[in-house]
C-alpha atoms as a PDB file:
ATOM      1  CA  UNK A   1      -0.159  -0.155   0.017  1.00  0.00           C
ATOM      2  CA  UNK A   2       1.607   3.593  -0.984  1.00  0.00           C
ATOM      3  CA  UNK A   3       1.892   6.197   1.295  1.00  0.00           C
ATOM      4  CA  UNK A   4      -0.471   8.397  -1.200  1.00  0.00           C
ATOM      5  CA  UNK A   5      -3.459   5.761  -0.622  1.00  0.00           C
ATOM      6  CA  UNK A   6      -2.787   5.700   3.113  1.00  0.00           C
ATOM      7  CA  UNK A   7      -2.999   9.579   3.092  1.00  0.00           C
ATOM      8  CA  UNK A   8      -6.256   9.409   1.111  1.00  0.00           C
ATOM      9  CA  UNK A   9      -8.062   6.881   3.225  1.00  0.00           C
ATOM     10  CA  UNK A  10      -7.080   9.200   6.192  1.00  0.00           C
ATOM     11  CA  UNK A  11      -8.597  12.031   4.277  1.00  0.00           C
ATOM     12  CA  UNK A  12     -11.562   9.924   3.655  1.00  0.00           C
ATOM     13  CA  UNK A  13     -11.928   9.081   7.328  1.00  0.00           C
ATOM     14  CA  UNK A  14     -11.478  12.547   8.371  1.00  0.00           C
ATOM     15  CA  UNK A  15     -14.123  13.531   5.935  1.00  0.00           C
ATOM     16  CA  UNK A  16     -16.577  10.955   6.848  1.00  0.00           C
ATOM     17  CA  UNK A  17     -16.133  11.940  10.524  1.00  0.00           C
ATOM     18  CA  UNK A  18     -16.758  15.328   9.795  1.00  0.00           C
ATOM     19  CA  UNK A  19     -19.938  14.519   7.902  1.00  0.00           C
ATOM     20  CA  UNK A  20     -20.882  12.448  11.054  1.00  0.00           C
ATOM     21  CA  UNK A  21     -20.916  15.644  13.000  1.00  0.00           C
ATOM     22  CA  UNK A  22     -23.100  17.423  10.631  1.00  0.00           C
ATOM     23  CA  UNK A  23     -20.405  19.444   8.846  1.00  0.00           C
ATOM     24  CA  UNK A  24     -19.326  18.831   5.500  1.00  0.00           C
ATOM     25  CA  UNK A  25     -15.541  19.902   4.739  1.00  0.00           C
ATOM     26  CA  UNK A  26     -16.676  23.141   3.214  1.00  0.00           C
ATOM     27  CA  UNK A  27     -18.776  23.964   6.203  1.00  0.00           C
ATOM     28  CA  UNK A  28     -15.816  23.083   8.734  1.00  0.00           C
ATOM     29  CA  UNK A  29     -13.566  25.334   6.410  1.00  0.00           C
ATOM     30  CA  UNK A  30     -16.401  28.205   6.839  1.00  0.00           C
ATOM     31  CA  UNK A  31     -16.541  27.651  10.540  1.00  0.00           C
ATOM     32  CA  UNK A  32     -12.856  27.830  10.540  1.00  0.00           C
ATOM     33  CA  UNK A  33     -12.870  31.203   8.991  1.00  0.00           C
ATOM     34  CA  UNK A  34     -15.731  32.815  10.722  1.00  0.00           C
ATOM     35  CA  UNK A  35     -16.537  35.471  10.332  1.00  0.00           C
ATOM     36  CA  UNK A  36     -15.166  36.602   7.168  1.00  0.00           C
ATOM     37  CA  UNK A  37     -18.192  38.942   6.338  1.00  0.00           C
ATOM     38  CA  UNK A  38     -20.747  41.353   8.484  1.00  0.00           C
ATOM     39  CA  UNK A  39     -22.597  39.646  11.341  1.00  0.00           C
ATOM     40  CA  UNK A  40     -26.116  40.420  12.010  1.00  0.00           C
ATOM     41  CA  UNK A  41     -27.095  40.724  15.968  1.00  0.00           C
ATOM     42  CA  UNK A  42     -30.840  40.403  16.133  1.00  0.00           C
ATOM     43  CA  UNK A  43     -32.304  42.587  19.334  1.00  0.00           C
ATOM     44  CA  UNK A  44     -36.007  41.582  19.735  1.00  0.00           C
ATOM     45  CA  UNK A  45     -36.879  44.824  21.588  1.00  0.00           C
ATOM     46  CA  UNK A  46     -37.165  48.404  20.207  1.00  0.00           C
ATOM     47  CA  UNK A  47     -34.273  50.482  20.187  1.00  0.00           C
ATOM     48  CA  UNK A  48     -33.244  52.625  23.110  1.00  0.00           C
ATOM     49  CA  UNK A  49     -34.024  49.823  25.688  1.00  0.00           C
ATOM     50  CA  UNK A  50     -31.338  48.476  27.838  1.00  0.00           C
ATOM     51  CA  UNK A  51     -30.864  45.291  25.776  1.00  0.00           C
ATOM     52  CA  UNK A  52     -30.579  47.145  22.740  1.00  0.00           C
ATOM     53  CA  UNK A  53     -28.115  49.759  24.190  1.00  0.00           C
ATOM     54  CA  UNK A  54     -25.770  47.298  25.962  1.00  0.00           C
ATOM     55  CA  UNK A  55     -25.595  45.022  22.661  1.00  0.00           C
ATOM     56  CA  UNK A  56     -24.725  47.734  20.472  1.00  0.00           C
ATOM     57  CA  UNK A  57     -21.882  48.376  22.946  1.00  0.00           C
ATOM     58  CA  UNK A  58     -20.710  44.976  22.424  1.00  0.00           C
ATOM     59  CA  UNK A  59     -21.456  45.370  18.979  1.00  0.00           C
ATOM     60  CA  UNK A  60     -18.546  47.496  18.602  1.00  0.00           C
ATOM     61  CA  UNK A  61     -15.883  45.537  20.769  1.00  0.00           C
ATOM     62  CA  UNK A  62     -16.979  42.412  18.435  1.00  0.00           C
ATOM     63  CA  UNK A  63     -15.841  44.550  15.569  1.00  0.00           C
ATOM     64  CA  UNK A  64     -12.650  45.315  17.083  1.00  0.00           C
ATOM     65  CA  UNK A  65     -11.835  41.653  18.547  1.00  0.00           C
ATOM     66  CA  UNK A  66     -12.861  39.785  15.239  1.00  0.00           C
ATOM     67  CA  UNK A  67     -12.360  42.325  12.218  1.00  0.00           C
ATOM     68  CA  UNK A  68     -15.864  42.282  10.804  1.00  0.00           C
ATOM     69  CA  UNK A  69     -18.937  44.596  11.387  1.00  0.00           C
ATOM     70  CA  UNK A  70     -21.674  43.435  13.980  1.00  0.00           C
ATOM     71  CA  UNK A  71     -24.693  45.377  12.978  1.00  0.00           C
ATOM     72  CA  UNK A  72     -27.723  45.614  15.154  1.00  0.00           C
ATOM     73  CA  UNK A  73     -30.996  45.104  13.943  1.00  0.00           C
ATOM     74  CA  UNK A  74     -34.047  45.650  16.107  1.00  0.00           C
ATOM     75  CA  UNK A  75     -36.554  43.190  15.681  1.00  0.00           C
ATOM     76  CA  UNK A  76     -39.477  43.548  18.212  1.00  0.00           C
ATOM     77  CA  UNK A  77     -42.689  42.014  19.056  1.00  0.00           C
ATOM     78  CA  UNK A  78     -44.638  39.165  21.138  1.00  0.00           C
ATOM     79  CA  UNK A  79     -42.609  39.753  24.271  1.00  0.00           C
ATOM     80  CA  UNK A  80     -39.433  39.432  22.222  1.00  0.00           C
ATOM     81  CA  UNK A  81     -40.388  36.403  20.624  1.00  0.00           C
ATOM     82  CA  UNK A  82     -40.485  37.353  16.984  1.00  0.00           C
ATOM     83  CA  UNK A  83     -36.679  38.166  16.762  1.00  0.00           C
ATOM     84  CA  UNK A  84     -35.590  35.419  18.642  1.00  0.00           C
ATOM     85  CA  UNK A  85     -37.546  32.634  16.731  1.00  0.00           C
ATOM     86  CA  UNK A  86     -36.095  34.192  13.360  1.00  0.00           C
ATOM     87  CA  UNK A  87     -32.609  33.317  15.055  1.00  0.00           C
ATOM     88  CA  UNK A  88     -33.662  30.071  15.958  1.00  0.00           C
ATOM     89  CA  UNK A  89     -34.987  28.941  12.563  1.00  0.00           C
ATOM     90  CA  UNK A  90     -32.134  30.798  10.471  1.00  0.00           C
ATOM     91  CA  UNK A  91     -29.088  29.486   8.832  1.00  0.00           C
ATOM     92  CA  UNK A  92     -26.584  28.051  11.336  1.00  0.00           C
ATOM     93  CA  UNK A  93     -23.702  29.609  10.087  1.00  0.00           C
ATOM     94  CA  UNK A  94     -22.860  32.111  12.696  1.00  0.00           C
ATOM     95  CA  UNK A  95     -23.808  35.184  10.843  1.00  0.00           C
ATOM     96  CA  UNK A  96     -26.986  35.911  12.765  1.00  0.00           C
ATOM     97  CA  UNK A  97     -26.599  36.143  16.302  1.00  0.00           C
ATOM     98  CA  UNK A  98     -29.589  36.662  18.603  1.00  0.00           C
ATOM     99  CA  UNK A  99     -29.677  39.020  21.791  1.00  0.00           C
ATOM    100  CA  UNK A 100     -31.729  36.831  24.521  1.00  0.00           C
ATOM    101  CA  UNK A 101     -32.681  37.717  27.616  1.00  0.00           C
ATOM    102  CA  UNK A 102     -34.130  35.835  30.842  1.00  0.00           C
ATOM    103  CA  UNK A 103     -37.631  35.896  29.087  1.00  0.00           C
ATOM    104  CA  UNK A 104     -36.740  34.017  26.165  1.00  0.00           C
ATOM    105  CA  UNK A 105     -35.209  31.116  28.301  1.00  0.00           C
ATOM    106  CA  UNK A 106     -37.127  30.982  31.791  1.00  0.00           C
ATOM    107  CA  UNK A 107     -40.476  33.244  31.448  1.00  0.00           C
ATOM    108  CA  UNK A 108     -42.157  33.597  28.370  1.00  0.00           C
ATOM    109  CA  UNK A 109     -42.774  29.670  28.215  1.00  0.00           C
ATOM    110  CA  UNK A 110     -44.898  29.834  31.194  1.00  0.00           C
ATOM    111  CA  UNK A 111     -46.960  32.844  29.820  1.00  0.00           C
ATOM    112  CA  UNK A 112     -47.442  32.184  26.301  1.00  0.00           C
ATOM    113  CA  UNK A 113     -49.418  29.012  25.250  1.00  0.00           C
ATOM    114  CA  UNK A 114     -47.768  28.311  21.842  1.00  0.00           C
ATOM    115  CA  UNK A 115     -44.256  29.409  21.984  1.00  0.00           C
ATOM    116  CA  UNK A 116     -42.406  29.653  18.655  1.00  0.00           C
ATOM    117  CA  UNK A 117     -39.398  28.038  19.611  1.00  0.00           C
ATOM    118  CA  UNK A 118     -37.986  25.835  22.516  1.00  0.00           C
ATOM    119  CA  UNK A 119     -34.839  27.728  23.637  1.00  0.00           C
ATOM    120  CA  UNK A 120     -33.333  24.679  25.247  1.00  0.00           C
ATOM    121  CA  UNK A 121     -33.399  22.555  21.899  1.00  0.00           C
ATOM    122  CA  UNK A 122     -33.352  25.055  19.202  1.00  0.00           C
ATOM    123  CA  UNK A 123     -30.709  27.706  20.764  1.00  0.00           C
ATOM    124  CA  UNK A 124     -27.010  27.369  21.769  1.00  0.00           C
ATOM    125  CA  UNK A 125     -25.808  30.165  24.162  1.00  0.00           C
ATOM    126  CA  UNK A 126     -21.830  30.985  23.770  1.00  0.00           C
ATOM    127  CA  UNK A 127     -21.915  32.995  26.549  1.00  0.00           C
ATOM    128  CA  UNK A 128     -23.946  34.892  29.065  1.00  0.00           C
ATOM    129  CA  UNK A 129     -23.407  38.835  28.305  1.00  0.00           C
ATOM    130  CA  UNK A 130     -25.063  41.171  31.214  1.00  0.00           C
ATOM    131  CA  UNK A 131     -27.242  41.125  33.918  1.00  0.00           C
ATOM    132  CA  UNK A 132     -29.131  43.958  35.479  1.00  0.00           C
ATOM    133  CA  UNK A 133     -30.642  44.139  38.946  1.00  0.00           C
ATOM    134  CA  UNK A 134     -34.096  45.392  40.367  1.00  0.00           C
ATOM    135  CA  UNK A 135     -34.071  47.756  42.933  1.00  0.00           C
ATOM    136  CA  UNK A 136     -36.762  48.090  45.776  1.00  0.00           C
ATOM    137  CA  UNK A 137     -37.473  51.927  45.680  1.00  0.00           C
ATOM    138  CA  UNK A 138     -40.059  54.125  47.420  1.00  0.00           C
ATOM    139  CA  UNK A 139     -40.752  57.851  46.985  1.00  0.00           C
ATOM    140  CA  UNK A 140     -38.899  59.777  49.766  1.00  0.00           C
ATOM    141  CA  UNK A 141     -41.679  62.284  49.989  1.00  0.00           C
ATOM    142  CA  UNK A 142     -44.176  60.052  50.585  1.00  0.00           C
ATOM    143  CA  UNK A 143     -43.023  56.769  52.748  1.00  0.00           C
ATOM    144  CA  UNK A 144     -41.043  57.324  55.664  1.00  0.00           C
ATOM    145  CA  UNK A 145     -39.472  54.115  56.100  1.00  0.00           C
ATOM    146  CA  UNK A 146     -35.322  54.514  55.636  1.00  0.00           C
ATOM    147  CA  UNK A 147     -34.817  50.762  55.405  1.00  0.00           C
ATOM    148  CA  UNK A 148     -36.793  47.538  54.200  1.00  0.00           C
ATOM    149  CA  UNK A 149     -37.739  46.187  57.235  1.00  0.00           C
ATOM    150  CA  UNK A 150     -39.263  49.360  58.270  1.00  0.00           C
ATOM    151  CA  UNK A 151     -41.007  49.422  55.140  1.00  0.00           C
ATOM    152  CA  UNK A 152     -42.749  46.079  55.522  1.00  0.00           C
ATOM    153  CA  UNK A 153     -43.690  47.037  59.068  1.00  0.00           C
ATOM    154  CA  UNK A 154     -45.241  50.387  57.784  1.00  0.00           C
ATOM    155  CA  UNK A 155     -46.849  48.570  54.851  1.00  0.00           C
ATOM    156  CA  UNK A 156     -48.518  46.003  57.280  1.00  0.00           C
ATOM    157  CA  UNK A 157     -49.746  48.850  59.374  1.00  0.00           C
ATOM    158  CA  UNK A 158     -51.820  50.167  56.562  1.00  0.00           C
ATOM    159  CA  UNK A 159     -55.512  49.106  56.497  1.00  0.00           C
ATOM    160  CA  UNK A 160     -55.578  48.905  52.536  1.00  0.00           C
ATOM    161  CA  UNK A 161     -51.841  47.898  51.998  1.00  0.00           C
ATOM    162  CA  UNK A 162     -49.864  49.060  49.356  1.00  0.00           C
ATOM    163  CA  UNK A 163     -49.580  49.254  45.482  1.00  0.00           C
ATOM    164  CA  UNK A 164     -46.706  48.023  43.874  1.00  0.00           C
ATOM    165  CA  UNK A 165     -45.984  49.611  40.039  1.00  0.00           C
ATOM    166  CA  UNK A 166     -44.271  47.560  37.345  1.00  0.00           C
ATOM    167  CA  UNK A 167     -44.131  47.819  33.469  1.00  0.00           C
ATOM    168  CA  UNK A 168     -46.740  45.290  32.854  1.00  0.00           C
ATOM    169  CA  UNK A 169     -47.980  41.667  33.869  1.00  0.00           C
ATOM    170  CA  UNK A 170     -45.166  39.090  33.357  1.00  0.00           C
ATOM    171  CA  UNK A 171     -41.974  41.390  33.228  1.00  0.00           C
ATOM    172  CA  UNK A 172     -39.478  40.956  35.674  1.00  0.00           C
ATOM    173  CA  UNK A 173     -40.350  43.954  37.919  1.00  0.00           C
ATOM    174  CA  UNK A 174     -44.145  42.505  38.225  1.00  0.00           C
ATOM    175  CA  UNK A 175     -42.907  39.210  39.194  1.00  0.00           C
ATOM    176  CA  UNK A 176     -40.164  40.857  41.646  1.00  0.00           C
ATOM    177  CA  UNK A 177     -43.401  42.488  43.163  1.00  0.00           C
ATOM    178  CA  UNK A 178     -45.213  38.956  43.505  1.00  0.00           C
ATOM    179  CA  UNK A 179     -42.198  37.574  44.870  1.00  0.00           C
ATOM    180  CA  UNK A 180     -41.854  40.244  47.400  1.00  0.00           C
ATOM    181  CA  UNK A 181     -45.393  39.624  48.632  1.00  0.00           C
ATOM    182  CA  UNK A 182     -44.642  36.171  48.813  1.00  0.00           C
ATOM    183  CA  UNK A 183     -41.546  36.393  50.718  1.00  0.00           C
ATOM    184  CA  UNK A 184     -42.810  39.260  53.406  1.00  0.00           C
ATOM    185  CA  UNK A 185     -46.453  38.761  53.804  1.00  0.00           C
ATOM    186  CA  UNK A 186     -47.176  42.606  52.476  1.00  0.00           C
ATOM    187  CA  UNK A 187     -50.911  42.935  51.265  1.00  0.00           C
ATOM    188  CA  UNK A 188     -50.236  44.736  47.880  1.00  0.00           C
ATOM    189  CA  UNK A 189     -52.174  45.532  44.618  1.00  0.00           C
ATOM    190  CA  UNK A 190     -50.434  45.478  41.421  1.00  0.00           C
ATOM    191  CA  UNK A 191     -50.871  48.502  39.303  1.00  0.00           C
ATOM    192  CA  UNK A 192     -49.162  47.879  35.491  1.00  0.00           C
ATOM    193  CA  UNK A 193     -47.661  50.691  33.354  1.00  0.00           C
ATOM    194  CA  UNK A 194     -46.415  50.913  29.886  1.00  0.00           C
ATOM    195  CA  UNK A 195     -42.813  51.480  31.448  1.00  0.00           C
ATOM    196  CA  UNK A 196     -40.524  53.104  34.301  1.00  0.00           C
ATOM    197  CA  UNK A 197     -41.380  56.437  32.788  1.00  0.00           C
ATOM    198  CA  UNK A 198     -44.971  56.314  33.565  1.00  0.00           C
ATOM    199  CA  UNK A 199     -44.476  54.521  37.187  1.00  0.00           C
ATOM    200  CA  UNK A 200     -41.941  57.001  38.181  1.00  0.00           C
ATOM    201  CA  UNK A 201     -44.457  59.873  38.032  1.00  0.00           C
ATOM    202  CA  UNK A 202     -46.931  57.923  39.693  1.00  0.00           C
ATOM    203  CA  UNK A 203     -44.685  57.251  42.561  1.00  0.00           C
ATOM    204  CA  UNK A 204     -43.535  60.580  42.803  1.00  0.00           C
ATOM    205  CA  UNK A 205     -47.292  62.141  43.162  1.00  0.00           C
ATOM    206  CA  UNK A 206     -48.154  59.224  45.797  1.00  0.00           C
ATOM    207  CA  UNK A 207     -50.289  57.456  43.637  1.00  0.00           C
ATOM    208  CA  UNK A 208     -48.246  54.400  43.581  1.00  0.00           C
ATOM    209  CA  UNK A 209     -46.256  53.124  47.091  1.00  0.00           C
ATOM    210  CA  UNK A 210     -43.656  50.897  45.952  1.00  0.00           C
ATOM    211  CA  UNK A 211     -41.842  49.284  43.211  1.00  0.00           C
ATOM    212  CA  UNK A 212     -38.953  46.325  42.353  1.00  0.00           C
ATOM    213  CA  UNK A 213     -38.053  47.858  39.149  1.00  0.00           C
ATOM    214  CA  UNK A 214     -34.885  47.716  36.922  1.00  0.00           C
ATOM    215  CA  UNK A 215     -32.199  49.822  38.579  1.00  0.00           C
ATOM    216  CA  UNK A 216     -31.061  51.365  35.033  1.00  0.00           C
ATOM    217  CA  UNK A 217     -34.469  53.163  35.079  1.00  0.00           C
ATOM    218  CA  UNK A 218     -34.241  54.688  38.363  1.00  0.00           C
ATOM    219  CA  UNK A 219     -30.541  55.570  38.951  1.00  0.00           C
ATOM    220  CA  UNK A 220     -31.216  59.442  38.392  1.00  0.00           C
ATOM    221  CA  UNK A 221     -33.830  59.294  40.786  1.00  0.00           C
ATOM    222  CA  UNK A 222     -31.893  57.856  43.619  1.00  0.00           C
ATOM    223  CA  UNK A 223     -28.992  59.869  42.920  1.00  0.00           C
ATOM    224  CA  UNK A 224     -31.295  63.232  43.185  1.00  0.00           C
ATOM    225  CA  UNK A 225     -33.176  62.043  46.487  1.00  0.00           C
ATOM    226  CA  UNK A 226     -36.314  61.719  44.874  1.00  0.00           C
ATOM    227  CA  UNK A 227     -36.611  58.179  45.431  1.00  0.00           C
ATOM    228  CA  UNK A 228     -35.103  55.902  48.419  1.00  0.00           C
ATOM    229  CA  UNK A 229     -33.651  52.693  47.388  1.00  0.00           C
ATOM    230  CA  UNK A 230     -34.169  50.017  50.094  1.00  0.00           C
ATOM    231  CA  UNK A 231     -32.268  46.897  48.377  1.00  0.00           C
ATOM    232  CA  UNK A 232     -30.866  45.752  45.276  1.00  0.00           C
ATOM    233  CA  UNK A 233     -32.224  42.190  43.856  1.00  0.00           C
ATOM    234  CA  UNK A 234     -28.647  41.218  42.988  1.00  0.00           C
ATOM    235  CA  UNK A 235     -26.642  38.396  44.756  1.00  0.00           C
ATOM    236  CA  UNK A 236     -23.885  40.737  45.888  1.00  0.00           C
ATOM    237  CA  UNK A 237     -24.312  44.533  46.581  1.00  0.00           C
ATOM    238  CA  UNK A 238     -24.087  46.779  43.396  1.00  0.00           C
ATOM    239  CA  UNK A 239     -20.948  48.413  42.775  1.00  0.00           C
ATOM    240  CA  UNK A 240     -22.666  51.736  41.672  1.00  0.00           C
ATOM    241  CA  UNK A 241     -25.197  51.629  45.339  1.00  0.00           C
ATOM    242  CA  UNK A 242     -22.110  50.613  47.832  1.00  0.00           C
ATOM    243  CA  UNK A 243     -24.463  51.612  50.646  1.00  0.00           C
ATOM    244  CA  UNK A 244     -27.797  49.868  49.656  1.00  0.00           C
ATOM    245  CA  UNK A 245     -28.119  46.452  51.134  1.00  0.00           C
ATOM    246  CA  UNK A 246     -28.986  43.186  49.130  1.00  0.00           C
ATOM    247  CA  UNK A 247     -32.318  41.464  49.581  1.00  0.00           C
ATOM    248  CA  UNK A 248     -30.804  38.992  52.151  1.00  0.00           C
ATOM    249  CA  UNK A 249     -28.945  41.762  53.959  1.00  0.00           C
ATOM    250  CA  UNK A 250     -32.035  43.686  54.224  1.00  0.00           C
ATOM    251  CA  UNK A 251     -33.838  40.610  55.842  1.00  0.00           C
ATOM    252  CA  UNK A 252     -35.603  38.968  52.818  1.00  0.00           C
ATOM    253  CA  UNK A 253     -34.043  35.428  52.085  1.00  0.00           C
ATOM    254  CA  UNK A 254     -34.226  33.826  48.532  1.00  0.00           C
ATOM    255  CA  UNK A 255     -34.750  36.764  46.512  1.00  0.00           C
ATOM    256  CA  UNK A 256     -31.899  37.126  43.663  1.00  0.00           C
ATOM    257  CA  UNK A 257     -33.472  38.625  40.678  1.00  0.00           C
ATOM    258  CA  UNK A 258     -31.628  39.853  37.738  1.00  0.00           C
ATOM    259  CA  UNK A 259     -32.632  40.406  33.908  1.00  0.00           C
ATOM    260  CA  UNK A 260     -30.071  38.861  32.197  1.00  0.00           C
ATOM    261  CA  UNK A 261     -28.942  38.667  28.387  1.00  0.00           C
ATOM    262  CA  UNK A 262     -27.025  36.120  26.284  1.00  0.00           C
ATOM    263  CA  UNK A 263     -25.939  35.795  22.980  1.00  0.00           C
ATOM    264  CA  UNK A 264     -27.872  32.889  21.162  1.00  0.00           C
ATOM    265  CA  UNK A 265     -27.293  30.807  17.940  1.00  0.00           C
ATOM    266  CA  UNK A 266     -28.990  28.324  16.102  1.00  0.00           C
ATOM    267  CA  UNK A 267     -28.515  24.951  18.148  1.00  0.00           C
ATOM    268  CA  UNK A 268     -27.028  23.282  14.997  1.00  0.00           C
ATOM    269  CA  UNK A 269     -24.155  25.904  14.852  1.00  0.00           C
ATOM    270  CA  UNK A 270     -20.694  24.448  14.585  1.00  0.00           C
ATOM    271  CA  UNK A 271     -19.020  24.385  17.886  1.00  0.00           C
ATOM    272  CA  UNK A 272     -15.874  26.104  16.157  1.00  0.00           C
ATOM    273  CA  UNK A 273     -17.881  29.375  15.649  1.00  0.00           C
ATOM    274  CA  UNK A 274     -19.781  28.711  19.394  1.00  0.00           C
ATOM    275  CA  UNK A 275     -16.358  28.875  20.849  1.00  0.00           C
ATOM    276  CA  UNK A 276     -14.864  31.490  18.763  1.00  0.00           C
ATOM    277  CA  UNK A 277     -17.798  33.910  19.638  1.00  0.00           C
ATOM    278  CA  UNK A 278     -17.493  32.829  23.445  1.00  0.00           C
ATOM    279  CA  UNK A 279     -13.497  33.273  23.666  1.00  0.00           C
ATOM    280  CA  UNK A 280     -13.962  36.688  22.041  1.00  0.00           C
ATOM    281  CA  UNK A 281     -16.551  37.851  24.589  1.00  0.00           C
ATOM    282  CA  UNK A 282     -14.296  36.573  27.387  1.00  0.00           C
ATOM    283  CA  UNK A 283     -11.458  38.620  26.096  1.00  0.00           C
ATOM    284  CA  UNK A 284     -13.958  42.080  25.832  1.00  0.00           C
ATOM    285  CA  UNK A 285     -15.353  41.581  29.466  1.00  0.00           C
ATOM    286  CA  UNK A 286     -11.657  41.484  30.937  1.00  0.00           C
ATOM    287  CA  UNK A 287     -11.697  45.677  29.559  1.00  0.00           C
ATOM    288  CA  UNK A 288     -12.185  47.476  32.887  1.00  0.00           C
ATOM    289  CA  UNK A 289     -13.257  50.737  30.984  1.00  0.00           C
ATOM    290  CA  UNK A 290     -15.955  48.535  29.397  1.00  0.00           C
ATOM    291  CA  UNK A 291     -16.979  47.118  32.708  1.00  0.00           C
ATOM    292  CA  UNK A 292     -17.437  50.799  33.977  1.00  0.00           C
ATOM    293  CA  UNK A 293     -19.531  51.713  30.875  1.00  0.00           C
ATOM    294  CA  UNK A 294     -21.783  48.980  31.680  1.00  0.00           C
ATOM    295  CA  UNK A 295     -22.210  49.946  35.381  1.00  0.00           C
ATOM    296  CA  UNK A 296     -22.793  53.494  34.458  1.00  0.00           C
ATOM    297  CA  UNK A 297     -25.792  52.027  32.116  1.00  0.00           C
ATOM    298  CA  UNK A 298     -26.991  50.108  35.233  1.00  0.00           C
ATOM    299  CA  UNK A 299     -25.585  46.708  33.891  1.00  0.00           C
ATOM    300  CA  UNK A 300     -22.822  44.426  34.680  1.00  0.00           C
ATOM    301  CA  UNK A 301     -21.092  42.384  31.885  1.00  0.00           C
ATOM    302  CA  UNK A 302     -20.835  38.763  32.575  1.00  0.00           C
ATOM    303  CA  UNK A 303     -18.901  35.936  30.809  1.00  0.00           C
ATOM    304  CA  UNK A 304     -19.525  32.132  30.594  1.00  0.00           C
ATOM    305  CA  UNK A 305     -18.707  28.726  29.201  1.00  0.00           C
ATOM    306  CA  UNK A 306     -21.723  27.340  27.263  1.00  0.00           C
ATOM    307  CA  UNK A 307     -22.067  24.653  29.386  1.00  0.00           C
ATOM    308  CA  UNK A 308     -22.382  27.415  32.541  1.00  0.00           C
ATOM    309  CA  UNK A 309     -24.920  29.472  30.557  1.00  0.00           C
ATOM    310  CA  UNK A 310     -26.999  26.534  30.018  1.00  0.00           C
ATOM    311  CA  UNK A 311     -27.140  25.391  33.786  1.00  0.00           C
ATOM    312  CA  UNK A 312     -27.479  28.900  34.626  1.00  0.00           C
ATOM    313  CA  UNK A 313     -31.185  29.278  32.337  1.00  0.00           C
ATOM    314  CA  UNK A 314     -32.041  26.085  33.563  1.00  0.00           C
ATOM    315  CA  UNK A 315     -31.819  27.159  37.370  1.00  0.00           C
ATOM    316  CA  UNK A 316     -33.502  30.542  36.393  1.00  0.00           C
ATOM    317  CA  UNK A 317     -36.213  28.460  34.671  1.00  0.00           C
ATOM    318  CA  UNK A 318     -37.199  26.522  37.950  1.00  0.00           C
ATOM    319  CA  UNK A 319     -37.120  29.615  40.060  1.00  0.00           C
ATOM    320  CA  UNK A 320     -39.392  31.739  37.484  1.00  0.00           C
ATOM    321  CA  UNK A 321     -41.929  28.828  37.087  1.00  0.00           C
ATOM    322  CA  UNK A 322     -42.579  28.780  40.804  1.00  0.00           C
ATOM    323  CA  UNK A 323     -42.767  32.950  40.688  1.00  0.00           C
ATOM    324  CA  UNK A 324     -45.404  32.940  37.590  1.00  0.00           C
ATOM    325  CA  UNK A 325     -47.613  30.203  39.634  1.00  0.00           C
ATOM    326  CA  UNK A 326     -47.345  32.267  42.690  1.00  0.00           C
ATOM    327  CA  UNK A 327     -48.672  35.379  40.396  1.00  0.00           C
ATOM    328  CA  UNK A 328     -51.723  33.395  39.283  1.00  0.00           C
ATOM    329  CA  UNK A 329     -50.844  34.424  35.379  1.00  0.00           C
ATOM    330  CA  UNK A 330     -52.101  31.935  33.043  1.00  0.00           C
ATOM    331  CA  UNK A 331     -50.482  31.105  29.671  1.00  0.00           C
ATOM    332  CA  UNK A 332     -52.498  33.184  27.011  1.00  0.00           C
END
């Protein structure tokens, strides 16, 4: 047997092995060269929201790191499901990345009767990208309580309880309010708004008592003294609010709630591309100036391996399933 025949057989075996993993030699070559053209990042929410803002910052850094343009496209609708469904059903070539959030993985499935995709089966997560905590806030002018325990005692002493504002049913602020009621025994009425831009004036006028809403929306109100931050819902104290305790420190156990985002790709995307994107993000996260930029926007940069992201999403799903059950919301 000639060495030419041996090398040819070895090549054929290698090609067969590649095909067995679902990759033709041409696709494997394309995966190794990724990215060699512009990449789309589909943000499934309107422009200007936290997911959009943070992924636009990251898109610039990915361009610097990987040498191609990363273009953000907003595809809002159906609680963010329209854009992520487009990613899940798109070509698995790495040229369309989704900006998915906790809703896509862990909440929407319990609120929407017919989900267009299955996050666990149809998507792969190269890395978690960011987290945003919620903050328990009251209007300083209308609520005398200086601590969360004082607020709970004050709320329980009120004959009609309190009202909790949120940006609408099924959002993490609404479900955080549900969790707060369950953990403290406070009697509360949920008042839905279109967003923090409507909740804040209602709180400042005294029409709504309390919110456990996205920190990013309330930073300026807290800094001005108009709102008092009683606790943050992150696992540790938030770097930009070092004097505000966590929920656990404030006496409310089992209350870690963050809105988080992650890169997603179609499940059949070659592992080479998944790993390359994860590695690029890991390098980006090491930039201290960028970390500060995220904190100023109310978020914190995260990095994870694909396996860590999968485990984290599964854990979050169990928690949110229970909170949705407590809320009484049924799939529509």
